[in-house]
Amino acid sequence: MTKRKFPYINRFCLLCLLSLAYGKIAGQDLSMIGKSEPLQINGTVGMQYYGRMGGKSNSPYPLSGAIWQVGLNASLYGWNLPFSITYSNANLRWQQPFNRFSLQPSWKWIRMYLGDASMSFSPYSLNGHQFTGAGAEFEPEGGKWKISIMGGRLLRQTLPDTIRGLPGIRHRMGYGLAGEYREEKFSFGAGIFYASDRKNDAFHLPDSLTEAPAENLVLHSKGTADIIDNLQVQLEYAISFFTPDRRSPEVAQGTTLFPLKYRNGSARYNAFKTGITYTSRFRSVGLYAERVDPGYRTLGAYYHLNDFASYTFQYAGTALQKKLTWSVSSGWQYDNLSHRKNSTSHRLIHNLNLTCSPSDALQVNFTYSNFSRYMYLRPSEEYLSEPDPWKNADTLHYRQVTATWGGTVFWQKEDRNENRHQINVAFNSNTSREESADSLANRGLFVFASGGYTFSKPDNDLSSSVVLQYNSSRTVETTGAYMGPALSLRKSIAQKKLQAYSTVSYNKTWPDAEKTGYVLMGRGGLSFRQKNHTADVTFGMAWRKTEDRNTRKEITMNFSYRYTFSGKKNEEQKK
């Protein structure tokens, strides 16, 4: 009697086992099957020892300890099965993330999304929300057409957390379809997205412990058109039909929009964004506008920004044979479009960026940005009666202004011996001011400046640098500053297999006007690289002193070693 074999069952079991693996890959080209190694195994084995000597420390870690780590990953045509284990004198931790599955195979102009994935149709529709299911993108050769489709679970049902006050989450499913057609002078796209929560949860929770089952249908369209040469118009528009509670009774017939039914509480919201851009060889000018209704929401995004309107102007250009480039943008944004809030905010944002490169060795950059926020308080009596429209026209309730400006200067040059010299200078200043009708202005000033010189000798694999830094902060309540130099040296030896480095820094600190202190730190080490072997040894010393405390010394030492291995298995190796 011969023993029966079940090759299909064995393959099915293997497929089920691999489907439990968690993988995050850019995409597996199915056309490469048979041309590349089917099974790849790689991993790392390493250990690290650390020690610290000195006085009392607020660190929660022990004075010394060791950590051992092992990591293993097997890959079969992009299906990954990772495994890692970490052991130290503190605890033992191991990870086997086999409970998630993600695969993105592709074949010619077709790409699939299987398992845990995310896709985007529009900022107002499906926008990067992760789902568990399947999706696909079709882009035929020529690049004119693009069709996207998805379907799966957006949220998994979870129980409420009464200790933290977190409500329960209902089971949510989502489906979407989007398409786009592109030509040289124009493009057009449209899509639909639908999501709904399960009405009856499996745990029969009361409404006080879980959110109401919502339902959402979003229709969006977008397009671009070149009116004349170098002048393009962009437009995007979306309508969101949102029902906060699917259990509400339906309204009169004739208002059903498949697959969504209008119920008590259902509402329609609009969002649009438009712009016009002129681009030439040396400059680019753009005007943009965006408006999102109050209450606009889509179940295809994690974050919702609504109830605002914004207008933006952008200009960029070059001159002096592209040695001078600049970009300018200015925008205005405000909220409370329906005038139902008790306050209205206005925001003004301005940005300037200049870059000048008079030669290959010198580059200068300057940036400036200004953010102004104005908030007007709406008197409470407006909710009871209609006051004189000019009565509170000048009531400024709150104002906030933040300005940031800075610049960098970079210079580098090689001498006759091919030694490199670099000089880098940077400066940044940030000022803020807050004031209201019933309080004094709060001001703040933050300044950062640094300058450094670097010398490198490529022939000897030697480099050294010296840096001087200054940082200060001043507010109504506190002031502080620190300043000091830092010196570093790096040298490669033994045919670049061994690297030695050291750093010394000194900082003088002024926590306030009365107290001063200093921090002196030194650090050095050796780093070894040889094929799959990596080893590092570092030593560090620090002295800290303040006027109200004695000098505190601390010495640290770290040693680490890691071995990386990789193996491949194919039919030829089996023979």
Protein backbone atom coordinates (compact mmCIF):
# COMPACT_ATOMS: atom_id res chain seq x y z
CA MET A 1 0.00 0.00 0.00
CA THR A 2 1.46 3.30 -1.07
CA LYS A 3 1.36 6.35 1.10
CA ARG A 4 -0.79 9.14 -0.28
CA LYS A 5 0.67 12.60 -0.55
CA PHE A 6 -1.22 15.85 -0.24
CA PRO A 7 0.90 18.46 -2.03
CA TYR A 8 -1.98 20.93 -2.28
CA ILE A 9 -2.72 20.71 1.45
CA ASN A 10 0.94 21.26 2.26
CA ARG A 11 1.05 24.30 0.02
CA PHE A 12 -2.17 25.62 1.55
CA CYS A 13 -0.79 25.23 5.09
CA LEU A 14 2.41 26.98 4.08
CA LEU A 15 0.42 29.83 2.56
CA CYS A 16 -1.67 30.18 5.73
CA LEU A 17 1.47 30.28 7.83
CA LEU A 18 3.07 32.94 5.70
CA SER A 19 -0.13 34.98 5.66
CA LEU A 20 0.35 35.58 9.38
CA ALA A 21 3.60 37.40 8.75
CA TYR A 22 3.88 41.12 9.03
CA GLY A 23 5.69 42.85 6.20
CA LYS A 24 6.21 46.50 5.27
CA ILE A 25 7.60 46.53 1.75
CA ALA A 26 7.59 49.00 -1.08
CA GLY A 27 6.13 46.48 -3.51
CA GLN A 28 6.95 43.09 -4.95
CA ASP A 29 7.17 42.85 -8.74
CA LEU A 30 5.59 39.52 -9.66
CA SER A 31 7.36 39.57 -13.00
CA MET A 32 10.64 38.97 -11.13
CA ILE A 33 9.50 35.58 -9.83
CA GLY A 34 11.95 33.01 -11.16
CA LYS A 35 14.61 35.67 -11.77
CA SER A 36 15.56 36.36 -8.13
CA GLU A 37 16.27 34.30 -5.04
CA PRO A 38 12.98 32.98 -3.62
CA LEU A 39 14.09 32.62 0.01
CA GLN A 40 16.33 35.08 1.80
CA ILE A 41 17.35 34.86 5.45
CA ASN A 42 19.19 37.63 7.26
CA GLY A 43 19.65 38.78 10.79
CA THR A 44 21.90 40.26 13.43
CA VAL A 45 23.44 39.06 16.68
CA GLY A 46 24.94 41.57 19.05
CA MET A 47 25.70 42.59 22.59
CA GLN A 48 26.29 45.86 24.40
CA TYR A 49 27.87 46.63 27.74
CA TYR A 50 27.59 49.97 29.51
CA GLY A 51 28.99 51.25 32.77
CA ARG A 52 28.80 54.49 34.70
CA MET A 53 30.84 55.78 37.63
CA GLY A 54 30.25 58.94 39.58
CA GLY A 55 28.10 60.47 42.26
CA LYS A 56 24.37 60.24 42.71
CA SER A 57 22.36 60.13 39.52
CA ASN A 58 18.69 60.59 38.74
CA SER A 59 18.88 57.99 35.98
CA PRO A 60 16.48 55.04 36.49
CA TYR A 61 18.96 52.63 34.87
CA PRO A 62 21.56 50.65 36.88
CA LEU A 63 25.19 51.74 37.03
CA SER A 64 26.25 48.91 34.72
CA GLY A 65 24.65 46.25 32.63
CA ALA A 66 24.70 44.22 29.46
CA ILE A 67 22.22 43.81 26.64
CA TRP A 68 22.07 40.89 24.20
CA GLN A 69 20.03 41.16 21.02
CA VAL A 70 19.14 38.65 18.32
CA GLY A 71 17.15 39.52 15.22
CA LEU A 72 16.08 37.18 12.42
CA ASN A 73 14.09 37.83 9.27
CA ALA A 74 13.06 35.36 6.57
CA SER A 75 11.75 36.72 3.27
CA LEU A 76 10.00 34.71 0.55
CA TYR A 77 9.29 36.87 -2.50
CA GLY A 78 8.80 39.85 -0.21
CA TRP A 79 6.77 38.06 2.48
CA ASN A 80 8.62 38.86 5.71
CA LEU A 81 8.64 36.90 8.97
CA PRO A 82 10.62 38.96 11.51
CA PHE A 83 11.62 37.80 14.97
CA SER A 84 13.67 39.54 17.63
CA ILE A 85 14.66 38.90 21.24
CA THR A 86 16.38 41.24 23.70
CA TYR A 87 17.83 40.27 27.07
CA SER A 88 19.37 42.57 29.66
CA ASN A 89 19.92 42.67 33.39
CA ALA A 90 16.68 44.67 33.56
CA ASN A 91 14.24 42.38 31.76
CA LEU A 92 13.65 39.97 28.89
CA ARG A 93 11.68 41.17 25.90
CA TRP A 94 10.87 39.35 22.69
CA GLN A 95 8.80 40.33 19.69
CA GLN A 96 7.02 38.12 17.19
CA PRO A 97 4.80 40.50 15.19
CA PHE A 98 3.02 37.81 13.18
CA ASN A 99 -0.47 39.22 13.70
CA ARG A 100 -0.38 41.66 10.80
CA PHE A 101 -0.10 41.08 7.11
CA SER A 102 0.80 43.55 4.39
CA LEU A 103 1.72 42.84 0.79
CA GLN A 104 1.95 45.11 -2.25
CA PRO A 105 2.59 42.96 -5.34
CA SER A 106 2.80 44.55 -8.77
CA TRP A 107 2.69 43.23 -12.30
CA LYS A 108 3.39 45.58 -15.20
CA TRP A 109 0.92 48.48 -14.69
CA ILE A 110 -1.12 46.84 -11.91
CA ARG A 111 -0.35 47.25 -8.21
CA MET A 112 -2.25 45.43 -5.47
CA TYR A 113 -2.65 46.30 -1.79
CA LEU A 114 -3.41 43.27 0.36
CA GLY A 115 -3.86 43.10 4.10
CA ASP A 116 -2.98 46.23 6.09
CA ALA A 117 -2.55 49.09 3.64
CA SER A 118 -3.34 52.75 3.09
CA MET A 119 -4.38 54.70 0.00
CA SER A 120 -5.29 58.31 -0.80
CA PHE A 121 -7.90 59.67 -3.19
CA SER A 122 -8.24 63.29 -2.04
CA PRO A 123 -7.51 65.42 1.07
CA TYR A 124 -11.28 65.70 1.52
CA SER A 125 -12.12 62.02 0.93
CA LEU A 126 -9.91 58.99 1.56
CA ASN A 127 -6.64 60.46 2.80
CA GLY A 128 -4.09 57.98 4.12
CA HIS A 129 -6.43 56.08 6.43
CA GLN A 130 -5.18 52.56 7.09
CA PHE A 131 -7.54 49.71 6.27
CA THR A 132 -7.45 45.93 6.39
CA GLY A 133 -8.67 44.52 3.12
CA ALA A 134 -7.70 44.86 -0.51
CA GLY A 135 -7.01 47.63 -2.99
CA ALA A 136 -5.61 48.10 -6.46
CA GLU A 137 -4.18 50.79 -8.71
CA PHE A 138 -4.27 50.51 -12.50
CA GLU A 139 -2.00 52.75 -14.60
CA PRO A 140 -1.88 51.51 -18.21
CA GLU A 141 1.14 52.28 -20.31
CA GLY A 142 1.18 55.84 -21.55
CA GLY A 143 0.38 57.35 -18.15
CA LYS A 144 -2.95 58.87 -19.16
CA TRP A 145 -5.27 56.76 -17.04
CA LYS A 146 -5.14 55.92 -13.36
CA ILE A 147 -7.88 53.98 -11.57
CA SER A 148 -7.87 53.19 -7.84
CA ILE A 149 -10.22 50.93 -5.91
CA MET A 150 -10.27 49.79 -2.29
CA GLY A 151 -12.42 48.03 0.27
CA GLY A 152 -11.90 46.84 3.80
CA ARG A 153 -12.15 47.44 7.50
CA LEU A 154 -11.22 50.94 8.65
CA LEU A 155 -11.66 50.41 12.40
CA ARG A 156 -11.83 47.31 14.52
CA GLN A 157 -14.32 47.18 17.33
CA THR A 158 -12.79 47.78 20.77
CA LEU A 159 -14.24 47.86 24.26
CA PRO A 160 -14.44 51.15 26.16
CA ASP A 161 -11.82 52.05 28.75
CA THR A 162 -13.77 53.33 31.74
CA ILE A 163 -10.59 54.01 33.74
CA ARG A 164 -9.17 56.41 31.16
CA GLY A 165 -12.56 57.62 30.04
CA LEU A 166 -12.16 56.40 26.45
CA PRO A 167 -15.33 55.39 24.61
CA GLY A 168 -15.69 52.17 22.68
CA ILE A 169 -15.11 52.02 18.94
CA ARG A 170 -17.52 50.37 16.53
CA HIS A 171 -16.63 48.15 13.61
CA ARG A 172 -16.22 50.40 10.54
CA MET A 173 -16.05 49.39 6.88
CA GLY A 174 -15.06 51.55 3.92
CA TYR A 175 -15.15 51.31 0.12
CA GLY A 176 -13.86 53.67 -2.54
CA LEU A 177 -13.32 54.15 -6.26
CA ALA A 178 -11.36 56.93 -7.96
CA GLY A 179 -10.18 57.62 -11.49
CA GLU A 180 -8.03 60.20 -13.22
CA TYR A 181 -7.31 61.03 -16.86
CA ARG A 182 -4.25 63.11 -17.78
CA GLU A 183 -3.32 64.87 -20.99
CA GLU A 184 -0.53 67.31 -21.71
CA LYS A 185 -2.81 70.36 -21.43
CA PHE A 186 -5.42 69.19 -18.95
CA SER A 187 -6.35 66.51 -16.42
CA PHE A 188 -9.58 65.42 -14.77
CA GLY A 189 -10.36 63.08 -11.91
CA ALA A 190 -13.31 62.01 -9.78
CA GLY A 191 -14.03 59.54 -7.03
CA ILE A 192 -16.48 58.22 -4.48
CA PHE A 193 -15.88 56.99 -0.94
CA TYR A 194 -18.37 55.37 1.43
CA ALA A 195 -17.90 54.30 5.05
CA SER A 196 -20.29 53.18 7.77
CA ASP A 197 -20.23 51.82 11.30
CA ARG A 198 -21.97 48.65 12.37
CA LYS A 199 -25.29 49.48 14.03
CA ASN A 200 -25.38 46.67 16.57
CA ASP A 201 -22.11 45.99 18.37
CA ALA A 202 -21.23 42.48 19.46
CA PHE A 203 -20.98 43.47 23.13
CA HIS A 204 -24.36 45.27 23.35
CA LEU A 205 -22.85 48.31 25.01
CA PRO A 206 -24.99 51.27 26.11
CA ASP A 207 -24.77 54.51 24.15
CA SER A 208 -22.96 56.20 27.03
CA LEU A 209 -19.95 53.89 26.58
CA THR A 210 -19.60 53.97 22.80
CA GLU A 211 -19.95 56.41 19.95
CA ALA A 212 -23.02 56.42 17.76
CA PRO A 213 -22.74 54.50 14.46
CA ALA A 214 -21.89 57.03 11.77
CA GLU A 215 -22.28 56.93 8.01
CA ASN A 216 -20.46 58.97 5.39
CA LEU A 217 -20.53 59.37 1.61
CA VAL A 218 -18.00 61.64 -0.11
CA LEU A 219 -17.96 62.65 -3.77
CA HIS A 220 -14.96 64.52 -5.07
CA SER A 221 -13.65 65.81 -8.39
CA LYS A 222 -10.49 67.61 -9.43
CA GLY A 223 -8.85 68.90 -12.56
CA THR A 224 -6.20 71.09 -14.11
CA ALA A 225 -6.16 73.02 -17.37
CA ASP A 226 -3.53 75.04 -19.22
CA ILE A 227 -5.35 78.14 -20.43
CA ILE A 228 -2.34 79.49 -22.29
CA ASP A 229 1.32 78.57 -22.33
CA ASN A 230 2.78 78.45 -18.80
CA LEU A 231 -0.58 79.37 -17.18
CA GLN A 232 -2.39 76.57 -15.34
CA VAL A 233 -5.62 76.50 -13.34
CA GLN A 234 -6.28 73.90 -10.62
CA LEU A 235 -9.63 73.07 -9.03
CA GLU A 236 -10.76 70.47 -6.50
CA TYR A 237 -14.26 70.14 -5.07
CA ALA A 238 -15.79 67.68 -2.63
CA ILE A 239 -19.23 67.05 -1.09
CA SER A 240 -19.56 65.09 2.13
CA PHE A 241 -22.90 63.61 3.21
CA PHE A 242 -22.54 62.75 6.87
CA THR A 243 -24.96 61.02 9.24
CA PRO A 244 -23.86 61.05 12.90
CA ASP A 245 -26.27 58.24 13.89
CA ARG A 246 -27.43 55.55 11.45
CA ARG A 247 -30.18 54.50 13.86
CA SER A 248 -32.06 57.77 13.40
CA PRO A 249 -35.34 57.58 11.45
CA GLU A 250 -35.32 58.32 7.74
CA VAL A 251 -36.70 61.57 6.40
CA ALA A 252 -39.19 61.91 3.55
CA GLN A 253 -38.72 59.76 0.48
CA GLY A 254 -36.89 61.17 -2.50
CA THR A 255 -33.86 62.23 -0.49
CA THR A 256 -32.04 58.90 -0.64
CA LEU A 257 -28.60 58.98 -2.21
CA PHE A 258 -27.42 55.40 -2.68
CA PRO A 259 -25.88 53.86 -0.65
CA LEU A 260 -26.63 56.53 1.97
CA LYS A 261 -30.11 57.35 3.26
CA TYR A 262 -30.98 60.74 4.65
CA ARG A 263 -31.92 60.60 8.32
CA ASN A 264 -32.53 63.00 11.14
CA GLY A 265 -29.21 64.73 11.74
CA SER A 266 -27.84 64.10 8.24
CA ALA A 267 -26.11 67.08 6.67
CA ARG A 268 -24.20 68.02 3.54
CA TYR A 269 -20.86 69.82 3.65
CA ASN A 270 -18.76 71.35 0.88
CA ALA A 271 -15.02 71.88 0.44
CA PHE A 272 -13.09 73.30 -2.47
CA LYS A 273 -9.59 74.41 -3.36
CA THR A 274 -8.59 76.35 -6.44
CA GLY A 275 -5.50 78.07 -7.73
CA ILE A 276 -3.82 79.59 -10.73
CA THR A 277 -0.09 79.30 -11.43
CA TYR A 278 2.09 81.03 -13.98
CA THR A 279 5.50 79.46 -14.58
CA SER A 280 8.27 80.72 -16.83
CA ARG A 281 11.97 80.09 -17.12
CA PHE A 282 12.99 82.47 -14.33
CA ARG A 283 9.91 82.93 -12.16
CA SER A 284 6.73 81.36 -10.84
CA VAL A 285 3.62 83.15 -9.54
CA GLY A 286 0.62 81.52 -7.90
CA LEU A 287 -2.69 82.49 -6.30
CA TYR A 288 -4.59 79.90 -4.25
CA ALA A 289 -7.86 79.82 -2.32
CA GLU A 290 -9.43 77.15 -0.10
CA ARG A 291 -12.69 76.93 1.81
CA VAL A 292 -14.04 74.13 4.02
CA ASP A 293 -17.50 74.30 5.56
CA PRO A 294 -17.96 74.18 9.33
CA GLY A 295 -18.53 70.60 10.42
CA TYR A 296 -16.99 69.06 7.29
CA ARG A 297 -15.89 65.53 8.08
CA THR A 298 -14.81 62.40 6.27
CA LEU A 299 -14.39 58.94 7.76
CA GLY A 300 -11.48 58.35 5.39
CA ALA A 301 -9.05 60.58 7.32
CA TYR A 302 -7.70 60.62 10.85
CA TYR A 303 -7.69 64.40 11.24
CA HIS A 304 -10.29 66.90 10.12
CA LEU A 305 -9.57 70.59 9.57
CA ASN A 306 -12.76 72.48 8.83
CA ASP A 307 -14.47 75.83 9.31
CA PHE A 308 -11.84 77.96 7.61
CA ALA A 309 -11.10 79.94 4.47
CA SER A 310 -7.61 80.82 3.28
CA TYR A 311 -6.02 82.84 0.50
CA THR A 312 -2.35 82.49 -0.44
CA PHE A 313 0.03 84.30 -2.78
CA GLN A 314 3.35 82.73 -3.81
CA TYR A 315 6.17 84.10 -5.91
CA ALA A 316 9.55 82.55 -6.74
CA GLY A 317 12.25 83.67 -9.10
CA THR A 318 15.91 83.64 -10.05
CA ALA A 319 18.39 86.26 -11.26
CA LEU A 320 22.07 86.75 -12.02
CA GLN A 321 22.27 83.51 -13.98
CA LYS A 322 20.51 81.63 -11.15
CA LYS A 323 23.08 82.75 -8.60
CA LEU A 324 20.31 84.55 -6.73
CA THR A 325 17.05 82.74 -5.95
CA TRP A 326 14.12 83.82 -3.82
CA SER A 327 10.65 82.75 -2.82
CA VAL A 328 7.91 84.81 -1.17
CA SER A 329 4.56 83.68 0.17
CA SER A 330 1.81 85.53 1.99
CA GLY A 331 -1.46 84.16 3.26
CA TRP A 332 -4.60 85.07 5.18
CA GLN A 333 -6.81 82.58 6.98
CA TYR A 334 -9.92 83.00 9.11
CA ASP A 335 -12.55 80.76 10.70
CA ASN A 336 -16.10 81.02 12.09
CA LEU A 337 -17.62 80.99 8.61
CA SER A 338 -21.15 80.48 9.93
CA HIS A 339 -20.77 83.15 12.68
CA ARG A 340 -21.94 80.71 15.34
CA LYS A 341 -18.80 80.70 17.50
CA ASN A 342 -18.20 83.19 20.27
CA SER A 343 -14.86 84.21 18.73
CA THR A 344 -13.32 84.66 15.30
CA SER A 345 -9.64 84.14 14.53
CA HIS A 346 -7.68 85.78 11.72
CA ARG A 347 -4.20 84.57 10.80
CA LEU A 348 -1.64 86.33 8.63
CA ILE A 349 1.41 84.33 7.51
CA HIS A 350 4.36 85.75 5.55
CA ASN A 351 7.53 83.94 4.45
CA LEU A 352 10.67 85.05 2.64
CA ASN A 353 13.63 82.93 1.55
CA LEU A 354 16.72 84.31 -0.22
CA THR A 355 19.72 82.31 -1.41
CA CYS A 356 22.80 83.82 -3.02
CA SER A 357 25.69 81.81 -4.48
CA PRO A 358 28.19 84.30 -5.92
CA SER A 359 30.73 81.50 -6.45
CA ASP A 360 31.07 77.75 -6.11
CA ALA A 361 32.80 78.23 -2.77
CA LEU A 362 30.36 80.63 -1.07
CA GLN A 363 26.65 80.36 -0.34
CA VAL A 364 24.52 82.77 1.72
CA ASN A 365 20.95 82.11 2.83
CA PHE A 366 18.42 84.36 4.59
CA THR A 367 14.94 83.42 5.84
CA TYR A 368 12.15 85.40 7.46
CA SER A 369 8.67 84.39 8.57
CA ASN A 370 5.93 86.25 10.39
CA PHE A 371 2.82 84.76 11.93
CA SER A 372 0.07 87.02 13.28
CA ARG A 373 -3.10 85.78 14.92
CA TYR A 374 -6.01 88.02 15.85
CA MET A 375 -9.01 86.81 17.82
CA TYR A 376 -12.18 88.85 18.24
CA LEU A 377 -14.58 88.04 21.06
CA ARG A 378 -18.25 87.94 20.21
CA PRO A 379 -20.34 89.51 23.03
CA SER A 380 -22.81 87.12 24.65
CA GLU A 381 -25.73 89.49 24.12
CA GLU A 382 -25.51 88.84 20.39
CA TYR A 383 -27.06 85.45 21.03
CA LEU A 384 -30.12 87.13 22.60
CA SER A 385 -30.68 90.12 20.36
CA GLU A 386 -29.35 91.82 17.27
CA PRO A 387 -27.09 94.68 18.41
CA ASP A 388 -25.88 97.63 16.43
CA PRO A 389 -23.57 96.19 13.73
CA TRP A 390 -20.98 98.92 14.49
CA LYS A 391 -21.16 98.59 18.28
CA ASN A 392 -18.36 96.04 18.70
CA ALA A 393 -16.50 96.55 15.45
CA ASP A 394 -13.27 97.60 17.20
CA THR A 395 -13.29 95.03 20.02
CA LEU A 396 -9.87 93.35 19.78
CA HIS A 397 -9.78 90.53 22.29
CA TYR A 398 -6.48 88.75 21.67
CA ARG A 399 -3.41 89.20 19.49
CA GLN A 400 -0.36 87.00 18.96
CA VAL A 401 2.62 87.85 16.77
CA THR A 402 5.58 85.56 16.12
CA ALA A 403 8.51 86.55 13.93
CA THR A 404 11.49 84.39 13.00
CA TRP A 405 14.48 85.42 10.97
CA GLY A 406 17.88 83.91 10.43
CA GLY A 407 20.61 83.14 7.99
CA THR A 408 23.55 80.90 7.17
CA VAL A 409 26.89 81.48 5.49
CA PHE A 410 28.80 78.51 4.10
CA TRP A 411 32.25 78.67 2.53
CA GLN A 412 34.48 75.82 1.37
CA LYS A 413 37.64 75.57 -0.65
CA GLU A 414 40.46 73.15 -1.49
CA ASP A 415 44.11 74.23 -1.36
CA ARG A 416 46.93 73.02 -3.58
CA ASN A 417 47.44 69.92 -1.45
CA GLU A 418 43.75 68.98 -1.86
CA ASN A 419 43.04 69.79 1.79
CA ARG A 420 39.50 71.00 2.40
CA HIS A 421 38.61 74.09 4.43
CA GLN A 422 35.03 74.84 5.48
CA ILE A 423 33.51 77.72 7.43
CA ASN A 424 29.88 77.65 8.55
CA VAL A 425 28.08 80.49 10.36
CA ALA A 426 24.41 80.34 11.39
CA PHE A 427 22.08 82.71 13.23
CA ASN A 428 18.42 82.44 14.20
CA SER A 429 16.17 84.75 16.19
CA ASN A 430 12.58 84.18 17.28
CA THR A 431 10.40 86.82 18.92
CA SER A 432 6.86 86.36 20.17
CA ARG A 433 4.33 88.74 21.65
CA GLU A 434 0.91 88.10 23.15
CA GLU A 435 -1.49 90.75 24.34
CA SER A 436 -5.17 91.09 25.15
CA ALA A 437 -7.54 93.82 26.22
CA ASP A 438 -7.40 92.87 29.91
CA SER A 439 -3.73 91.89 30.38
CA LEU A 440 -0.26 93.19 29.67
CA ALA A 441 1.79 91.96 26.74
CA ASN A 442 3.81 88.75 27.16
CA ARG A 443 7.05 88.85 25.23
CA GLY A 444 9.68 86.27 24.44
CA LEU A 445 13.03 86.31 22.68
CA PHE A 446 15.03 83.25 21.62
CA VAL A 447 18.43 83.56 19.94
CA PHE A 448 20.76 80.90 18.56
CA ALA A 449 24.13 81.52 16.91
CA SER A 450 26.98 79.24 15.91
CA GLY A 451 30.19 79.41 13.95
CA GLY A 452 32.63 76.70 13.03
CA TYR A 453 35.69 75.77 11.02
CA THR A 454 36.42 72.29 9.62
CA PHE A 455 39.70 71.05 8.21
CA SER A 456 39.92 67.70 6.43
CA LYS A 457 42.81 65.87 4.81
CA PRO A 458 41.34 63.17 2.52
CA ASP A 459 44.73 61.58 1.78
CA ASN A 460 45.29 60.76 5.46
CA ASP A 461 41.60 60.28 6.37
CA LEU A 462 41.94 63.04 8.96
CA SER A 463 39.41 65.70 9.88
CA SER A 464 39.09 68.21 12.70
CA SER A 465 36.63 70.95 13.56
CA VAL A 466 36.07 73.68 16.11
CA VAL A 467 32.63 75.15 16.84
CA LEU A 468 31.41 78.01 19.02
CA GLN A 469 27.72 78.10 20.01
CA TYR A 470 25.52 80.61 21.80
CA ASN A 471 21.91 80.13 22.89
CA SER A 472 19.71 82.42 24.96
CA SER A 473 16.05 82.61 25.90
CA ARG A 474 14.20 85.42 27.60
CA THR A 475 10.58 85.46 28.70
CA VAL A 476 8.58 87.35 31.28
CA GLU A 477 9.21 84.66 33.91
CA THR A 478 12.65 83.21 33.13
CA THR A 479 15.91 83.99 31.40
CA GLY A 480 18.78 81.72 30.48
CA ALA A 481 21.79 81.39 28.23
CA TYR A 482 24.78 79.20 27.51
CA MET A 483 27.89 79.62 25.39
CA GLY A 484 30.95 77.55 24.73
CA PRO A 485 33.31 75.95 22.23
CA ALA A 486 33.64 72.35 21.05
CA LEU A 487 36.63 70.63 19.44
CA SER A 488 36.51 67.30 17.58
CA LEU A 489 39.08 65.11 15.85
CA ARG A 490 38.58 62.02 13.68
CA LYS A 491 41.16 59.71 12.08
CA SER A 492 40.82 56.50 10.01
CA ILE A 493 43.55 53.87 10.19
CA ALA A 494 44.17 50.28 9.06
CA GLN A 495 42.78 50.89 5.56
CA LYS A 496 39.69 52.62 6.96
CA LYS A 497 38.72 49.55 8.99
CA LEU A 498 39.39 51.32 12.29
CA GLN A 499 38.23 54.82 13.15
CA ALA A 500 39.30 56.86 16.17
CA TYR A 501 37.51 60.01 17.27
CA SER A 502 37.39 62.39 20.21
CA THR A 503 35.33 65.43 21.20
CA VAL A 504 35.79 68.03 23.94
CA SER A 505 33.22 70.72 24.74
CA TYR A 506 32.85 73.43 27.37
CA ASN A 507 29.65 75.36 28.06
CA LYS A 508 29.20 78.29 30.39
CA THR A 509 25.60 78.51 31.59
CA TRP A 510 23.51 81.35 33.02
CA PRO A 511 20.21 79.87 34.25
CA ASP A 512 19.23 83.36 35.45
CA ALA A 513 20.87 86.64 36.29
CA GLU A 514 22.22 85.43 39.65
CA LYS A 515 23.42 81.87 39.06
CA THR A 516 26.18 80.61 36.79
CA GLY A 517 27.74 77.25 36.11
CA TYR A 518 29.65 75.24 33.58
CA VAL A 519 29.65 71.83 31.91
CA LEU A 520 32.88 70.25 30.65
CA MET A 521 32.53 67.09 28.60
CA GLY A 522 35.01 64.82 26.86
CA ARG A 523 34.29 61.83 24.69
CA GLY A 524 36.43 59.44 22.67
CA GLY A 525 36.17 56.09 21.03
CA LEU A 526 37.20 53.49 18.50
CA SER A 527 35.01 52.01 15.79
CA PHE A 528 35.86 48.83 13.86
CA ARG A 529 34.24 47.71 10.59
CA GLN A 530 35.13 44.46 8.83
CA LYS A 531 32.60 42.89 6.45
CA ASN A 532 29.85 41.54 8.72
CA HIS A 533 31.52 42.52 12.00
CA THR A 534 31.03 45.83 13.79
CA ALA A 535 32.53 46.82 17.14
CA ASP A 536 32.51 50.15 19.01
CA VAL A 537 34.18 51.30 22.21
CA THR A 538 33.44 54.73 23.68
CA PHE A 539 34.56 56.56 26.82
CA GLY A 540 33.02 59.70 28.22
CA MET A 541 33.72 62.09 31.09
CA ALA A 542 31.64 65.01 32.32
CA TRP A 543 32.08 67.67 35.00
CA ARG A 544 29.10 69.78 36.01
CA LYS A 545 29.19 72.66 38.46
CA THR A 546 26.74 75.30 39.64
CA GLU A 547 27.05 77.90 42.37
CA ASP A 548 24.63 76.15 44.71
CA ARG A 549 26.07 72.64 44.16
CA ASN A 550 29.47 71.01 44.29
CA THR A 551 31.24 69.79 41.21
CA ARG A 552 29.74 66.58 39.91
CA LYS A 553 31.85 64.10 37.96
CA GLU A 554 30.69 61.21 35.86
CA ILE A 555 32.53 58.63 33.75
CA THR A 556 30.80 56.38 31.24
CA MET A 557 31.99 53.49 29.11
CA ASN A 558 30.20 51.59 26.35
CA PHE A 559 31.19 48.55 24.32
CA SER A 560 29.08 47.02 21.57
CA TYR A 561 29.54 44.25 19.03
CA ARG A 562 27.26 43.20 16.21
CA TYR A 563 27.45 40.43 13.64
CA THR A 564 25.27 40.58 10.54
CA PHE A 565 24.58 37.51 8.47
CA SER A 566 22.65 36.82 5.29
CA GLY A 567 21.81 33.57 3.56
CA LYS A 568 19.93 32.58 0.40
CA LYS A 569 18.36 29.32 -0.50
CA ASN A 570 17.41 28.24 -4.00
CA GLU A 571 17.12 25.14 -6.06
CA GLU A 572 20.78 25.14 -7.05
CA GLN A 573 21.85 25.01 -3.40
CA LYS A 574 19.63 21.99 -2.80
CA LYS A 575 21.49 19.96 -5.39
